[in-house]
Protein backbone atom coordinates (compact mmCIF):
# COMPACT_ATOMS: atom_id res chain seq x y z
CA MET A 1 0.43 -10.39 -7.72
CA PHE A 2 4.02 -9.17 -7.98
CA PHE A 3 2.90 -6.39 -10.34
CA ILE A 4 0.24 -5.31 -7.84
CA LEU A 5 2.86 -5.06 -5.08
CA ILE A 6 5.09 -2.90 -7.30
CA PHE A 7 2.12 -0.67 -8.16
CA CYS A 8 1.23 -0.30 -4.47
CA SER A 9 4.80 0.67 -3.62
CA LEU A 10 4.85 3.27 -6.40
CA VAL A 11 1.59 4.81 -5.21
CA PHE A 12 2.96 4.71 -1.68
CA HIS A 13 6.07 6.71 -2.68
CA VAL A 14 4.07 9.25 -4.68
CA VAL A 15 1.66 9.87 -1.83
CA LEU A 16 4.54 10.22 0.64
CA ARG A 17 6.22 12.74 -1.65
CA TYR A 18 3.16 14.93 -2.17
CA MET A 19 1.41 14.45 1.17
CA PRO A 20 3.89 13.80 4.01
CA ASN A 21 1.13 13.24 6.50
CA ARG A 22 1.39 10.59 9.16
CA ILE A 23 -2.32 9.75 9.18
CA ILE A 24 -2.29 9.11 5.43
CA TYR A 25 0.92 7.11 5.81
CA ILE A 26 -0.64 4.88 8.47
CA ASN A 27 -3.84 4.44 6.43
CA ILE A 28 -1.90 3.33 3.36
CA PHE A 29 0.19 1.00 5.48
CA TYR A 30 -2.92 -0.71 6.88
CA LEU A 31 -4.53 -0.84 3.44
CA SER A 32 -1.47 -2.57 1.97
CA ILE A 33 -1.44 -5.10 4.84
CA ASN A 34 -5.14 -5.82 4.28
CA GLU A 35 -4.57 -6.28 0.56
CA TYR A 36 -1.64 -8.60 1.19
CA ASN A 37 -3.71 -10.72 3.58
CA PHE A 38 -6.56 -10.81 1.07
CA PHE A 39 -4.25 -12.11 -1.67
CA LYS A 40 -2.77 -14.66 0.72
CA LYS A 41 -6.24 -16.00 1.53
CA LYS A 42 -7.18 -16.08 -2.15
CA ARG A 43 -4.30 -18.40 -3.04
């Protein structure tokens, strides 16, 4: 799980660097929250 969070943060930074778009930023933010909630429910 920790590795997945690190991977998500890396992807997050790369996308922000290459595509500084607020819509994409918000979408990734919501996707990461959904993934976090999914992993919380799984445990």
